[in-house]
Each structure stands twice: as C-alpha cells, then as structure tokens.
Amino acid sequence: MTIQNRYEFVYLFDVSNGNPNGDPDAGNMPRLDPESSKGLVTDVCLKRKIRNFIELTHPKEEPGYQLFIQEKAILNHQIERAYTESKDVRKKLELWDQYQKDKKDKKKKAEEKTPQPERHYEDIAQDWMCQNFYDVRTFGAVMSTGSSSESEDEDGEKKSKIVKRAGQVRGPVQLAFAKSIDPIIPLEISITRMAVTTEKESEEQAGGNRTMGRKHIVPYGLYRVHGFISAKLAEKTGFSENDLEKLWQALTLMFEHDRSAARGEMAARKLVVFKHNDALGNVPAHTLFDRVKVERIHGETDTPASSFSDYKISVDKADLKEVTIDEKF
C-alpha cells in the first residue's frame, strides 16, 4: 500500500576533517557557496549514499530493491530489461506493433484492424521499472532515452519502428541541497606515499620512491538539508510505507557504511519528520522548517565552528494542528 500522508523532514549531519562532497570543477575542493562561504552538499550526493545503503542491505537481484542508477551502469540496458523480463510489456508491445502495422495497411478493412490498446507499452514498462527499482519509485528517473529497433514480419519486411523506453517518472521523495550552518574553511593538506607507480618514477628519484599528494578537508561543518515526500506522487510510483521505513533507516545509518579516508568522520545528528494528516498536507512546508532551530551556543555566529557541541538544536511543537512531529533521533 502506498503512503497516505504528506511528509517533510529536516536532516542534520556533520563532518570532521573530511570532504563531504568534492567539486570536480574546483580540483575536488569541498563545495562552497561563494557568497556566504558556507559549505554545500548536493542532493545527488545524498541520494547516492541512500542508494548505496539500499544496495548494502538487500541482495542485488531482490525484486523491488534493485537500483536503476548504479556505478558504470548503461541506463538504456536497464530500461530494456522491462521489455525482456516482463511478459506484460512484451504482450503490450506486440499489440502496439500490430496496431501500427494495421494502421498503415490500406488493404485491410476497419473492422479487421487491431484496435488501439488502452495503455501504451511505455506506460506498462514504466510500471515495471517502478516495481523493480527502489530508486525509480523513490526519486524518479528519466527513462525516455531507450534504444530503438525496427521489427520485421515473416517475409522480412519492416513493420514498424519501436523505441524501447519508459518515459519520465517524478519521484515522491525530493531533497534540496544541504548547506552548512556556519561558514567553513577548507584546508589543503599535503601527504606523502612511500612508493611510486612506475619504474621510471623510481629511476628519476634514484630509488627514493616517494609520491607527493594532496587532500582537501573541512575541519568541521554541520550541514542542514530539507526533504519533501509527496503522497500524491507516491500513488503513481508505488512508494509504500515499507519503502518509507527504508528511507528513514538509510538516513539514520548510511554514513556508518560510507567510511573512507577522504570523507573523514561523517555522522547523522538529527532527523525531524513532519507528518501531515492527509495526502495533500495541512501546513506550508517552510513554516514547519522554521520550527527547527539551530543555535550557536559556543563561539561567534557566522564563524567556523569546531564541533557539534557548539550548537543547540530545538524543535518548536507548540500550537501545531493536523501535523505530527517525530524526532527520529
């Protein structure tokens, strides 16, 4: 059963001596808002971590929890799976193919022609993609890029041109960019590796065999991101209550399974969920976000912080009707 309520949430996470999201256009330096010098983490970066957690907690081929966006994946091949693995899609494709052929056949009488199918084969393919791929029914996907092929009849004559695609899906779960509460000061650290890659490098160093490198880190930053979950869009993709629980679990634990030397220490600090009484919602999202206050209690505001203890987080629950507040952690 799909979710029946609209949700918004505020998610706070921090980083210590790591790079939460490198900018490839700036030599992989931590992303910055040039106007405020506050750190940024893209929605794409956070969605990747959620996908990685789902992949970690479910077998690769488990129905309903496969991933459309994977490392080194060829997306058109993923879309084509709907046409090779789903009997419903193949059947609808054959009907549509025959309809297109009959439509061009001027010798056939109208009553002999195949009627236009009620649903397009792309819609059936889209349903299959939503059912099988967690990230499609959660975040949505552009699947209108499928490859095309021409079918032939028994005599080898071309019947019609079929494009194997699955349209575009608007996902019920959307994330904004995460932004640090205070400005950050990225540091560039020189590092040394006691080895070289090639024999040529070794000869050039007369056996010294050292390689210099650099790392970019944020000494400390507390980031805040807002999320939105639409029950109406969930009806179209099949995003269920169980899928929602998986999302909360991922936001709670995803950093625990995403450790690397480059990321330093990253931790989920706070997750505040606003649940509306119905699918359309009862209160504008921005008024709910304003109820979550992050105050600086140590050090000066708008200067870099040094730890999570520099902040105090409070949630205003007063005079709130038709919306339930759940502090997950």
C-alpha atoms as a PDB file:
ATOM      1  CA  MET A   1       0.000   0.000   0.000  1.00  0.00           C
ATOM      2  CA  THR A   2       1.354   3.418  -0.938  1.00  0.00           C
ATOM      3  CA  ILE A   3       1.854   6.102   1.698  1.00  0.00           C
ATOM      4  CA  GLN A   4      -1.260   8.078   2.578  1.00  0.00           C
ATOM      5  CA  ASN A   5       0.318  11.158   4.173  1.00  0.00           C
ATOM      6  CA  ARG A   6       2.494  14.037   3.056  1.00  0.00           C
ATOM      7  CA  TYR A   7       5.821  14.401   4.853  1.00  0.00           C
ATOM      8  CA  GLU A   8       8.608  16.930   5.189  1.00  0.00           C
ATOM      9  CA  PHE A   9      11.812  16.442   7.136  1.00  0.00           C
ATOM     10  CA  VAL A  10      14.858  18.304   8.394  1.00  0.00           C
ATOM     11  CA  TYR A  11      18.107  16.333   8.368  1.00  0.00           C
ATOM     12  CA  LEU A  12      21.303  17.463  10.076  1.00  0.00           C
ATOM     13  CA  PHE A  13      24.694  15.806   9.598  1.00  0.00           C
ATOM     14  CA  ASP A  14      28.278  16.877  10.195  1.00  0.00           C
ATOM     15  CA  VAL A  15      31.807  16.219   9.029  1.00  0.00           C
ATOM     16  CA  SER A  16      35.107  16.379  10.867  1.00  0.00           C
ATOM     17  CA  ASN A  17      38.404  16.519   8.955  1.00  0.00           C
ATOM     18  CA  GLY A  18      36.902  15.234   5.745  1.00  0.00           C
ATOM     19  CA  ASN A  19      35.476  16.221   2.384  1.00  0.00           C
ATOM     20  CA  PRO A  20      31.700  15.632   2.358  1.00  0.00           C
ATOM     21  CA  ASN A  21      31.238  16.466  -1.336  1.00  0.00           C
ATOM     22  CA  GLY A  22      34.082  17.412  -3.663  1.00  0.00           C
ATOM     23  CA  ASP A  23      33.604  19.838  -6.544  1.00  0.00           C
ATOM     24  CA  PRO A  24      35.178  18.430  -9.760  1.00  0.00           C
ATOM     25  CA  ASP A  25      35.267  21.922 -11.263  1.00  0.00           C
ATOM     26  CA  ALA A  26      37.457  23.136  -8.377  1.00  0.00           C
ATOM     27  CA  GLY A  27      40.041  20.363  -8.115  1.00  0.00           C
ATOM     28  CA  ASN A  28      37.740  18.324  -5.822  1.00  0.00           C
ATOM     29  CA  MET A  29      37.736  21.025  -3.149  1.00  0.00           C
ATOM     30  CA  PRO A  30      34.718  20.870  -0.796  1.00  0.00           C
ATOM     31  CA  ARG A  31      31.749  22.625  -2.395  1.00  0.00           C
ATOM     32  CA  LEU A  32      31.231  26.227  -1.273  1.00  0.00           C
ATOM     33  CA  ASP A  33      28.632  28.938  -1.641  1.00  0.00           C
ATOM     34  CA  PRO A  34      30.905  31.763  -2.852  1.00  0.00           C
ATOM     35  CA  GLU A  35      28.656  34.454  -1.375  1.00  0.00           C
ATOM     36  CA  SER A  36      28.476  33.163   2.208  1.00  0.00           C
ATOM     37  CA  SER A  37      31.438  30.738   2.298  1.00  0.00           C
ATOM     38  CA  LYS A  38      29.067  28.112   3.671  1.00  0.00           C
ATOM     39  CA  GLY A  39      29.588  24.519   2.617  1.00  0.00           C
ATOM     40  CA  LEU A  40      27.289  22.737   0.170  1.00  0.00           C
ATOM     41  CA  VAL A  41      26.422  19.090  -0.394  1.00  0.00           C
ATOM     42  CA  THR A  42      24.325  18.290  -3.463  1.00  0.00           C
ATOM     43  CA  ASP A  43      21.109  16.299  -3.430  1.00  0.00           C
ATOM     44  CA  VAL A  44      22.740  13.871  -5.874  1.00  0.00           C
ATOM     45  CA  CYS A  45      25.497  13.135  -3.343  1.00  0.00           C
ATOM     46  CA  LEU A  46      22.982  12.327  -0.596  1.00  0.00           C
ATOM     47  CA  LYS A  47      20.844  10.195  -2.919  1.00  0.00           C
ATOM     48  CA  ARG A  48      23.954   8.202  -3.838  1.00  0.00           C
ATOM     49  CA  LYS A  49      24.534   7.372  -0.175  1.00  0.00           C
ATOM     50  CA  ILE A  50      20.908   6.287   0.218  1.00  0.00           C
ATOM     51  CA  ARG A  51      21.222   4.075  -2.864  1.00  0.00           C
ATOM     52  CA  ASN A  52      24.444   2.565  -1.512  1.00  0.00           C
ATOM     53  CA  PHE A  53      22.713   1.715   1.766  1.00  0.00           C
ATOM     54  CA  ILE A  54      19.784   0.064  -0.022  1.00  0.00           C
ATOM     55  CA  GLU A  55      22.231  -1.949  -2.123  1.00  0.00           C
ATOM     56  CA  LEU A  56      24.105  -2.965   1.031  1.00  0.00           C
ATOM     57  CA  THR A  57      21.003  -4.171   2.868  1.00  0.00           C
ATOM     58  CA  HIS A  58      19.300  -6.034   0.016  1.00  0.00           C
ATOM     59  CA  PRO A  59      20.566  -8.758  -2.339  1.00  0.00           C
ATOM     60  CA  LYS A  60      21.474  -7.416  -5.758  1.00  0.00           C
ATOM     61  CA  GLU A  61      18.646  -9.171  -7.619  1.00  0.00           C
ATOM     62  CA  GLU A  62      15.945  -8.877  -4.932  1.00  0.00           C
ATOM     63  CA  PRO A  63      12.710  -7.780  -6.622  1.00  0.00           C
ATOM     64  CA  GLY A  64      11.707  -4.272  -5.682  1.00  0.00           C
ATOM     65  CA  TYR A  65      15.113  -3.239  -4.363  1.00  0.00           C
ATOM     66  CA  GLN A  66      17.287  -3.166  -7.439  1.00  0.00           C
ATOM     67  CA  LEU A  67      18.870   0.168  -8.413  1.00  0.00           C
ATOM     68  CA  PHE A  68      18.483   1.959 -11.724  1.00  0.00           C
ATOM     69  CA  ILE A  69      21.396   4.360 -11.164  1.00  0.00           C
ATOM     70  CA  GLN A  70      24.456   2.225 -10.469  1.00  0.00           C
ATOM     71  CA  GLU A  71      28.154   2.768 -10.918  1.00  0.00           C
ATOM     72  CA  LYS A  72      29.168   2.108 -14.533  1.00  0.00           C
ATOM     73  CA  ALA A  73      25.603   1.139 -15.472  1.00  0.00           C
ATOM     74  CA  ILE A  74      24.302   1.620 -19.016  1.00  0.00           C
ATOM     75  CA  LEU A  75      20.876   3.078 -18.443  1.00  0.00           C
ATOM     76  CA  ASN A  76      19.377   2.064 -21.789  1.00  0.00           C
ATOM     77  CA  HIS A  77      20.221  -1.534 -20.906  1.00  0.00           C
ATOM     78  CA  GLN A  78      18.394  -1.112 -17.614  1.00  0.00           C
ATOM     79  CA  ILE A  79      15.319   0.238 -19.410  1.00  0.00           C
ATOM     80  CA  GLU A  80      15.419  -2.581 -21.958  1.00  0.00           C
ATOM     81  CA  ARG A  81      15.086  -5.113 -19.127  1.00  0.00           C
ATOM     82  CA  ALA A  82      11.415  -4.139 -18.855  1.00  0.00           C
ATOM     83  CA  TYR A  83      10.972  -5.409 -22.422  1.00  0.00           C
ATOM     84  CA  THR A  84      12.918  -8.626 -21.972  1.00  0.00           C
ATOM     85  CA  GLU A  85      11.826  -9.663 -18.460  1.00  0.00           C
ATOM     86  CA  SER A  86       8.163  -8.587 -18.332  1.00  0.00           C
ATOM     87  CA  LYS A  87       5.551 -10.676 -20.156  1.00  0.00           C
ATOM     88  CA  ASP A  88       3.011  -7.851 -19.832  1.00  0.00           C
ATOM     89  CA  VAL A  89       5.318  -5.367 -21.530  1.00  0.00           C
ATOM     90  CA  ARG A  90       6.146  -7.806 -24.350  1.00  0.00           C
ATOM     91  CA  LYS A  91       2.466  -8.575 -24.903  1.00  0.00           C
ATOM     92  CA  LYS A  92       1.535  -4.891 -24.994  1.00  0.00           C
ATOM     93  CA  LEU A  93       4.451  -4.192 -27.321  1.00  0.00           C
ATOM     94  CA  GLU A  94       3.225  -6.860 -29.748  1.00  0.00           C
ATOM     95  CA  LEU A  95      -0.302  -5.413 -29.687  1.00  0.00           C
ATOM     96  CA  TRP A  96       1.010  -1.912 -30.323  1.00  0.00           C
ATOM     97  CA  ASP A  97       3.272  -3.161 -33.077  1.00  0.00           C
ATOM     98  CA  GLN A  98       0.321  -4.876 -34.788  1.00  0.00           C
ATOM     99  CA  TYR A  99      -1.824  -1.769 -34.332  1.00  0.00           C
ATOM    100  CA  GLN A 100       0.823   0.388 -36.010  1.00  0.00           C
ATOM    101  CA  LYS A 101       1.153  -2.095 -38.858  1.00  0.00           C
ATOM    102  CA  ASP A 102      -2.623  -2.294 -39.415  1.00  0.00           C
ATOM    103  CA  LYS A 103      -2.899   1.465 -39.278  1.00  0.00           C
ATOM    104  CA  LYS A 104      -0.645   1.735 -42.332  1.00  0.00           C
ATOM    105  CA  ASP A 105      -2.287  -1.172 -44.172  1.00  0.00           C
ATOM    106  CA  LYS A 106      -4.782   0.380 -46.599  1.00  0.00           C
ATOM    107  CA  LYS A 107      -5.982  -3.016 -47.874  1.00  0.00           C
ATOM    108  CA  LYS A 108      -7.413  -4.119 -44.526  1.00  0.00           C
ATOM    109  CA  LYS A 109     -10.958  -3.221 -43.621  1.00  0.00           C
ATOM    110  CA  ALA A 110     -11.504  -1.134 -40.479  1.00  0.00           C
ATOM    111  CA  GLU A 111     -13.212  -3.986 -38.604  1.00  0.00           C
ATOM    112  CA  GLU A 112     -10.266  -6.288 -39.351  1.00  0.00           C
ATOM    113  CA  LYS A 113      -7.669  -3.923 -37.937  1.00  0.00           C
ATOM    114  CA  THR A 114      -6.247  -4.245 -34.415  1.00  0.00           C
ATOM    115  CA  PRO A 115      -7.804  -1.577 -32.170  1.00  0.00           C
ATOM    116  CA  GLN A 116      -5.574   0.896 -30.403  1.00  0.00           C
ATOM    117  CA  PRO A 117      -4.522  -0.545 -26.996  1.00  0.00           C
ATOM    118  CA  GLU A 118      -5.932   1.259 -23.949  1.00  0.00           C
ATOM    119  CA  ARG A 119      -2.449   1.787 -22.489  1.00  0.00           C
ATOM    120  CA  HIS A 120       0.778   2.474 -24.319  1.00  0.00           C
ATOM    121  CA  TYR A 121       3.502  -0.128 -23.911  1.00  0.00           C
ATOM    122  CA  GLU A 122       5.777   2.574 -22.442  1.00  0.00           C
ATOM    123  CA  ASP A 123       3.338   3.030 -19.549  1.00  0.00           C
ATOM    124  CA  ILE A 124       3.445  -0.698 -18.782  1.00  0.00           C
ATOM    125  CA  ALA A 125       7.246  -0.603 -18.960  1.00  0.00           C
ATOM    126  CA  GLN A 126       7.270   2.353 -16.585  1.00  0.00           C
ATOM    127  CA  ASP A 127       5.132   0.420 -14.090  1.00  0.00           C
ATOM    128  CA  TRP A 128       7.618  -2.460 -14.248  1.00  0.00           C
ATOM    129  CA  MET A 129      10.561  -0.125 -13.641  1.00  0.00           C
ATOM    130  CA  CYS A 130       8.834   1.402 -10.600  1.00  0.00           C
ATOM    131  CA  GLN A 131       8.004  -2.020  -9.176  1.00  0.00           C
ATOM    132  CA  ASN A 132      11.537  -3.372  -9.528  1.00  0.00           C
ATOM    133  CA  PHE A 133      13.809  -0.381  -8.884  1.00  0.00           C
ATOM    134  CA  TYR A 134      13.719   1.255  -5.453  1.00  0.00           C
ATOM    135  CA  ASP A 135      15.370   4.483  -6.613  1.00  0.00           C
ATOM    136  CA  VAL A 136      12.936   4.911  -9.534  1.00  0.00           C
ATOM    137  CA  ARG A 137       9.820   4.772  -7.365  1.00  0.00           C
ATOM    138  CA  THR A 138      11.540   6.886  -4.671  1.00  0.00           C
ATOM    139  CA  PHE A 139      13.435   9.621  -6.511  1.00  0.00           C
ATOM    140  CA  GLY A 140      12.027   9.255 -10.022  1.00  0.00           C
ATOM    141  CA  ALA A 141      14.027   8.892 -13.232  1.00  0.00           C
ATOM    142  CA  VAL A 142      14.268   9.998 -16.844  1.00  0.00           C
ATOM    143  CA  MET A 143      13.770   6.820 -18.886  1.00  0.00           C
ATOM    144  CA  SER A 144      12.813   8.330 -22.240  1.00  0.00           C
ATOM    145  CA  THR A 145      16.263   7.617 -23.707  1.00  0.00           C
ATOM    146  CA  GLY A 146      15.684   3.996 -24.705  1.00  0.00           C
ATOM    147  CA  SER A 147      17.166   2.470 -27.845  1.00  0.00           C
ATOM    148  CA  SER A 148      15.071   1.969 -30.982  1.00  0.00           C
ATOM    149  CA  SER A 149      14.681  -1.066 -33.189  1.00  0.00           C
ATOM    150  CA  GLU A 150      12.702  -1.950 -36.309  1.00  0.00           C
ATOM    151  CA  SER A 151      10.574  -5.082 -36.271  1.00  0.00           C
ATOM    152  CA  GLU A 152      10.097  -7.275 -39.332  1.00  0.00           C
ATOM    153  CA  ASP A 153       7.313  -9.587 -40.449  1.00  0.00           C
ATOM    154  CA  GLU A 154       7.707 -13.192 -41.668  1.00  0.00           C
ATOM    155  CA  ASP A 155       8.724 -12.002 -45.144  1.00  0.00           C
ATOM    156  CA  GLY A 156      11.478  -9.797 -43.775  1.00  0.00           C
ATOM    157  CA  GLU A 157       9.610  -6.576 -44.442  1.00  0.00           C
ATOM    158  CA  LYS A 158       9.853  -3.815 -41.892  1.00  0.00           C
ATOM    159  CA  LYS A 159       6.664  -3.420 -39.861  1.00  0.00           C
ATOM    160  CA  SER A 160       7.297  -0.502 -37.548  1.00  0.00           C
ATOM    161  CA  LYS A 161       9.934   1.278 -35.542  1.00  0.00           C
ATOM    162  CA  ILE A 162       9.777   0.510 -31.812  1.00  0.00           C
ATOM    163  CA  VAL A 163      11.530   2.688 -29.224  1.00  0.00           C
ATOM    164  CA  LYS A 164      12.122   0.787 -26.007  1.00  0.00           C
ATOM    165  CA  ARG A 165      11.724   3.458 -23.371  1.00  0.00           C
ATOM    166  CA  ALA A 166       9.746   4.016 -20.182  1.00  0.00           C
ATOM    167  CA  GLY A 167       9.002   7.731 -20.051  1.00  0.00           C
ATOM    168  CA  GLN A 168       9.758  10.089 -17.203  1.00  0.00           C
ATOM    169  CA  VAL A 169       8.869   9.485 -13.548  1.00  0.00           C
ATOM    170  CA  ARG A 170       8.534  12.241 -10.946  1.00  0.00           C
ATOM    171  CA  GLY A 171       9.637  10.719  -7.668  1.00  0.00           C
ATOM    172  CA  PRO A 172       7.740  11.364  -4.418  1.00  0.00           C
ATOM    173  CA  VAL A 173      10.959  11.922  -2.444  1.00  0.00           C
ATOM    174  CA  GLN A 174      12.946  15.062  -3.189  1.00  0.00           C
ATOM    175  CA  LEU A 175      15.926  16.606  -1.419  1.00  0.00           C
ATOM    176  CA  ALA A 176      17.263  20.141  -1.513  1.00  0.00           C
ATOM    177  CA  PHE A 177      20.971  20.995  -1.341  1.00  0.00           C
ATOM    178  CA  ALA A 178      22.486  20.658   2.132  1.00  0.00           C
ATOM    179  CA  LYS A 179      24.121  23.832   3.447  1.00  0.00           C
ATOM    180  CA  SER A 180      26.365  24.307   6.457  1.00  0.00           C
ATOM    181  CA  ILE A 181      25.005  26.328   9.371  1.00  0.00           C
ATOM    182  CA  ASP A 182      28.125  28.495   9.532  1.00  0.00           C
ATOM    183  CA  PRO A 183      30.943  29.265   7.061  1.00  0.00           C
ATOM    184  CA  ILE A 184      33.614  26.612   6.583  1.00  0.00           C
ATOM    185  CA  ILE A 185      37.315  26.944   5.833  1.00  0.00           C
ATOM    186  CA  PRO A 186      38.505  24.153   3.504  1.00  0.00           C
ATOM    187  CA  LEU A 187      42.112  23.111   4.039  1.00  0.00           C
ATOM    188  CA  GLU A 188      44.531  21.600   1.559  1.00  0.00           C
ATOM    189  CA  ILE A 189      46.795  19.034   3.209  1.00  0.00           C
ATOM    190  CA  SER A 190      49.973  17.654   1.616  1.00  0.00           C
ATOM    191  CA  ILE A 191      50.501  13.911   2.010  1.00  0.00           C
ATOM    192  CA  THR A 192      53.359  11.541   1.146  1.00  0.00           C
ATOM    193  CA  ARG A 193      53.187   7.993  -0.199  1.00  0.00           C
ATOM    194  CA  MET A 194      56.267   5.838   0.407  1.00  0.00           C
ATOM    195  CA  ALA A 195      56.034   4.234  -3.033  1.00  0.00           C
ATOM    196  CA  VAL A 196      55.846   5.108  -6.707  1.00  0.00           C
ATOM    197  CA  THR A 197      53.698   3.766  -9.525  1.00  0.00           C
ATOM    198  CA  THR A 198      56.238   3.017 -12.277  1.00  0.00           C
ATOM    199  CA  GLU A 199      59.877   2.013 -12.618  1.00  0.00           C
ATOM    200  CA  LYS A 200      60.530   5.266 -14.488  1.00  0.00           C
ATOM    201  CA  GLU A 201      59.469   7.300 -11.448  1.00  0.00           C
ATOM    202  CA  SER A 202      61.748   5.198  -9.266  1.00  0.00           C
ATOM    203  CA  GLU A 203      64.721   5.801 -11.547  1.00  0.00           C
ATOM    204  CA  GLU A 204      64.059   9.541 -11.620  1.00  0.00           C
ATOM    205  CA  GLN A 205      64.173   9.604  -7.807  1.00  0.00           C
ATOM    206  CA  ALA A 206      67.248   7.376  -7.613  1.00  0.00           C
ATOM    207  CA  GLY A 207      65.350   4.836  -5.555  1.00  0.00           C
ATOM    208  CA  GLY A 208      63.772   7.388  -3.218  1.00  0.00           C
ATOM    209  CA  ASN A 209      60.344   6.132  -4.203  1.00  0.00           C
ATOM    210  CA  ARG A 210      58.135   8.840  -2.743  1.00  0.00           C
ATOM    211  CA  THR A 211      54.997  10.386  -4.185  1.00  0.00           C
ATOM    212  CA  MET A 212      53.512  13.662  -3.029  1.00  0.00           C
ATOM    213  CA  GLY A 213      49.777  14.197  -2.995  1.00  0.00           C
ATOM    214  CA  ARG A 214      47.090  16.487  -1.589  1.00  0.00           C
ATOM    215  CA  LYS A 215      43.871  16.073   0.369  1.00  0.00           C
ATOM    216  CA  HIS A 216      41.105  18.607   0.831  1.00  0.00           C
ATOM    217  CA  ILE A 217      39.268  18.640   4.145  1.00  0.00           C
ATOM    218  CA  VAL A 218      36.735  20.611   6.146  1.00  0.00           C
ATOM    219  CA  PRO A 219      37.950  20.790   9.794  1.00  0.00           C
ATOM    220  CA  TYR A 220      34.319  20.877  10.947  1.00  0.00           C
ATOM    221  CA  GLY A 221      30.928  21.643   9.454  1.00  0.00           C
ATOM    222  CA  LEU A 222      27.311  20.998  10.475  1.00  0.00           C
ATOM    223  CA  TYR A 223      25.039  20.701   7.437  1.00  0.00           C
ATOM    224  CA  ARG A 224      21.271  21.034   7.173  1.00  0.00           C
ATOM    225  CA  VAL A 225      19.060  19.698   4.383  1.00  0.00           C
ATOM    226  CA  HIS A 226      15.298  19.757   3.821  1.00  0.00           C
ATOM    227  CA  GLY A 227      13.364  16.869   2.312  1.00  0.00           C
ATOM    228  CA  PHE A 228       9.887  16.518   0.821  1.00  0.00           C
ATOM    229  CA  ILE A 229       7.690  13.428   0.362  1.00  0.00           C
ATOM    230  CA  SER A 230       4.518  13.618  -1.741  1.00  0.00           C
ATOM    231  CA  ALA A 231       1.778  11.032  -1.168  1.00  0.00           C
ATOM    232  CA  LYS A 232       0.144  12.004  -4.461  1.00  0.00           C
ATOM    233  CA  LEU A 233       3.281  11.238  -6.462  1.00  0.00           C
ATOM    234  CA  ALA A 234       3.720   8.053  -4.414  1.00  0.00           C
ATOM    235  CA  GLU A 235       0.398   6.824  -5.809  1.00  0.00           C
ATOM    236  CA  LYS A 236       1.908   6.877  -9.300  1.00  0.00           C
ATOM    237  CA  THR A 237       5.194   5.142  -8.449  1.00  0.00           C
ATOM    238  CA  GLY A 238       4.007   2.724  -5.750  1.00  0.00           C
ATOM    239  CA  PHE A 239       6.195   4.191  -2.981  1.00  0.00           C
ATOM    240  CA  SER A 240       4.977   2.296   0.088  1.00  0.00           C
ATOM    241  CA  GLU A 241       5.101   2.545   3.879  1.00  0.00           C
ATOM    242  CA  ASN A 242       7.829  -0.090   3.838  1.00  0.00           C
ATOM    243  CA  ASP A 243       9.828   1.979   1.333  1.00  0.00           C
ATOM    244  CA  LEU A 244       9.439   4.961   3.651  1.00  0.00           C
ATOM    245  CA  GLU A 245      10.828   3.000   6.600  1.00  0.00           C
ATOM    246  CA  LYS A 246      13.798   2.002   4.437  1.00  0.00           C
ATOM    247  CA  LEU A 247      14.399   5.688   3.709  1.00  0.00           C
ATOM    248  CA  TRP A 248      14.402   6.588   7.419  1.00  0.00           C
ATOM    249  CA  GLN A 249      16.760   3.687   8.105  1.00  0.00           C
ATOM    250  CA  ALA A 250      19.110   4.827   5.344  1.00  0.00           C
ATOM    251  CA  LEU A 251      19.209   8.403   6.641  1.00  0.00           C
ATOM    252  CA  THR A 252      19.997   7.059  10.108  1.00  0.00           C
ATOM    253  CA  LEU A 253      22.764   4.610   9.192  1.00  0.00           C
ATOM    254  CA  MET A 254      24.117   5.482   5.731  1.00  0.00           C
ATOM    255  CA  PHE A 255      27.217   7.310   6.992  1.00  0.00           C
ATOM    256  CA  GLU A 256      28.138   4.322   9.167  1.00  0.00           C
ATOM    257  CA  HIS A 257      28.703   2.285   5.999  1.00  0.00           C
ATOM    258  CA  ASP A 258      30.268   5.005   3.865  1.00  0.00           C
ATOM    259  CA  ARG A 259      33.607   5.414   5.600  1.00  0.00           C
ATOM    260  CA  SER A 260      36.697   6.452   3.659  1.00  0.00           C
ATOM    261  CA  ALA A 261      39.895   8.375   4.285  1.00  0.00           C
ATOM    262  CA  ALA A 262      38.635  11.219   2.076  1.00  0.00           C
ATOM    263  CA  ARG A 263      35.357  11.713   3.966  1.00  0.00           C
ATOM    264  CA  GLY A 264      36.838  11.826   7.460  1.00  0.00           C
ATOM    265  CA  GLU A 265      34.221  11.424  10.163  1.00  0.00           C
ATOM    266  CA  MET A 266      30.658  11.998   9.000  1.00  0.00           C
ATOM    267  CA  ALA A 267      27.662  11.444  11.273  1.00  0.00           C
ATOM    268  CA  ALA A 268      23.891  11.827  11.179  1.00  0.00           C
ATOM    269  CA  ARG A 269      22.981  14.181  14.032  1.00  0.00           C
ATOM    270  CA  LYS A 270      19.251  14.906  13.815  1.00  0.00           C
ATOM    271  CA  LEU A 271      16.213  13.821  11.818  1.00  0.00           C
ATOM    272  CA  VAL A 272      12.937  15.672  12.427  1.00  0.00           C
ATOM    273  CA  VAL A 273       9.934  14.366  10.473  1.00  0.00           C
ATOM    274  CA  PHE A 274       6.692  16.289   9.941  1.00  0.00           C
ATOM    275  CA  LYS A 275       3.714  14.056   9.110  1.00  0.00           C
ATOM    276  CA  HIS A 276       0.539  15.665   7.754  1.00  0.00           C
ATOM    277  CA  ASN A 277      -2.917  14.228   8.423  1.00  0.00           C
ATOM    278  CA  ASP A 278      -3.670  13.599   4.752  1.00  0.00           C
ATOM    279  CA  ALA A 279      -2.108  13.267   1.313  1.00  0.00           C
ATOM    280  CA  LEU A 280      -2.354  16.937   0.300  1.00  0.00           C
ATOM    281  CA  GLY A 281      -0.986  18.281   3.567  1.00  0.00           C
ATOM    282  CA  ASN A 282      -2.220  20.854   6.042  1.00  0.00           C
ATOM    283  CA  VAL A 283       0.578  23.402   6.515  1.00  0.00           C
ATOM    284  CA  PRO A 284       3.095  25.028   4.129  1.00  0.00           C
ATOM    285  CA  ALA A 285       6.468  23.295   4.323  1.00  0.00           C
ATOM    286  CA  HIS A 286       8.513  26.423   5.053  1.00  0.00           C
ATOM    287  CA  THR A 287       6.550  27.146   8.248  1.00  0.00           C
ATOM    288  CA  LEU A 288       7.412  23.667   9.501  1.00  0.00           C
ATOM    289  CA  PHE A 289      11.090  24.024   8.666  1.00  0.00           C
ATOM    290  CA  ASP A 290      11.166  27.288  10.640  1.00  0.00           C
ATOM    291  CA  ARG A 291      10.238  25.310  13.767  1.00  0.00           C
ATOM    292  CA  VAL A 292      13.620  23.563  13.765  1.00  0.00           C
ATOM    293  CA  LYS A 293      16.161  25.998  15.207  1.00  0.00           C
ATOM    294  CA  VAL A 294      19.919  25.519  15.189  1.00  0.00           C
ATOM    295  CA  GLU A 295      21.552  27.973  17.597  1.00  0.00           C
ATOM    296  CA  ARG A 296      25.226  28.668  18.091  1.00  0.00           C
ATOM    297  CA  ILE A 297      25.999  28.456  21.820  1.00  0.00           C
ATOM    298  CA  HIS A 298      29.824  28.424  21.726  1.00  0.00           C
ATOM    299  CA  GLY A 299      31.847  30.777  19.562  1.00  0.00           C
ATOM    300  CA  GLU A 300      30.621  33.596  17.368  1.00  0.00           C
ATOM    301  CA  THR A 301      27.804  33.165  14.857  1.00  0.00           C
ATOM    302  CA  ASP A 302      28.899  33.203  11.194  1.00  0.00           C
ATOM    303  CA  THR A 303      32.362  31.960  12.078  1.00  0.00           C
ATOM    304  CA  PRO A 304      33.583  28.384  11.579  1.00  0.00           C
ATOM    305  CA  ALA A 305      32.550  26.007  14.365  1.00  0.00           C
ATOM    306  CA  SER A 306      34.826  23.355  15.840  1.00  0.00           C
ATOM    307  CA  SER A 307      32.407  20.649  16.997  1.00  0.00           C
ATOM    308  CA  PHE A 308      28.771  19.603  17.301  1.00  0.00           C
ATOM    309  CA  SER A 309      28.778  20.785  20.919  1.00  0.00           C
ATOM    310  CA  ASP A 310      28.980  24.374  19.611  1.00  0.00           C
ATOM    311  CA  TYR A 311      25.300  24.093  18.639  1.00  0.00           C
ATOM    312  CA  LYS A 312      21.935  23.639  20.279  1.00  0.00           C
ATOM    313  CA  ILE A 313      19.039  22.171  18.276  1.00  0.00           C
ATOM    314  CA  SER A 314      15.459  22.823  19.329  1.00  0.00           C
ATOM    315  CA  VAL A 315      12.068  21.920  17.829  1.00  0.00           C
ATOM    316  CA  ASP A 316       9.012  24.122  18.423  1.00  0.00           C
ATOM    317  CA  LYS A 317       5.996  21.829  18.852  1.00  0.00           C
ATOM    318  CA  ALA A 318       3.564  24.442  20.197  1.00  0.00           C
ATOM    319  CA  ASP A 319       0.241  25.317  18.522  1.00  0.00           C
ATOM    320  CA  LEU A 320       0.624  22.818  15.718  1.00  0.00           C
ATOM    321  CA  LYS A 321      -2.575  21.199  14.463  1.00  0.00           C
ATOM    322  CA  GLU A 322      -3.053  18.431  11.902  1.00  0.00           C
ATOM    323  CA  VAL A 323       0.695  17.783  11.713  1.00  0.00           C
ATOM    324  CA  THR A 324       2.646  15.311  13.863  1.00  0.00           C
ATOM    325  CA  ILE A 325       6.315  15.877  14.698  1.00  0.00           C
ATOM    326  CA  ASP A 326       8.537  12.817  15.070  1.00  0.00           C
ATOM    327  CA  GLU A 327      12.139  13.274  16.185  1.00  0.00           C
ATOM    328  CA  LYS A 328      13.688  10.080  14.815  1.00  0.00           C
ATOM    329  CA  PHE A 329      16.976  10.795  16.606  1.00  0.00           C
END
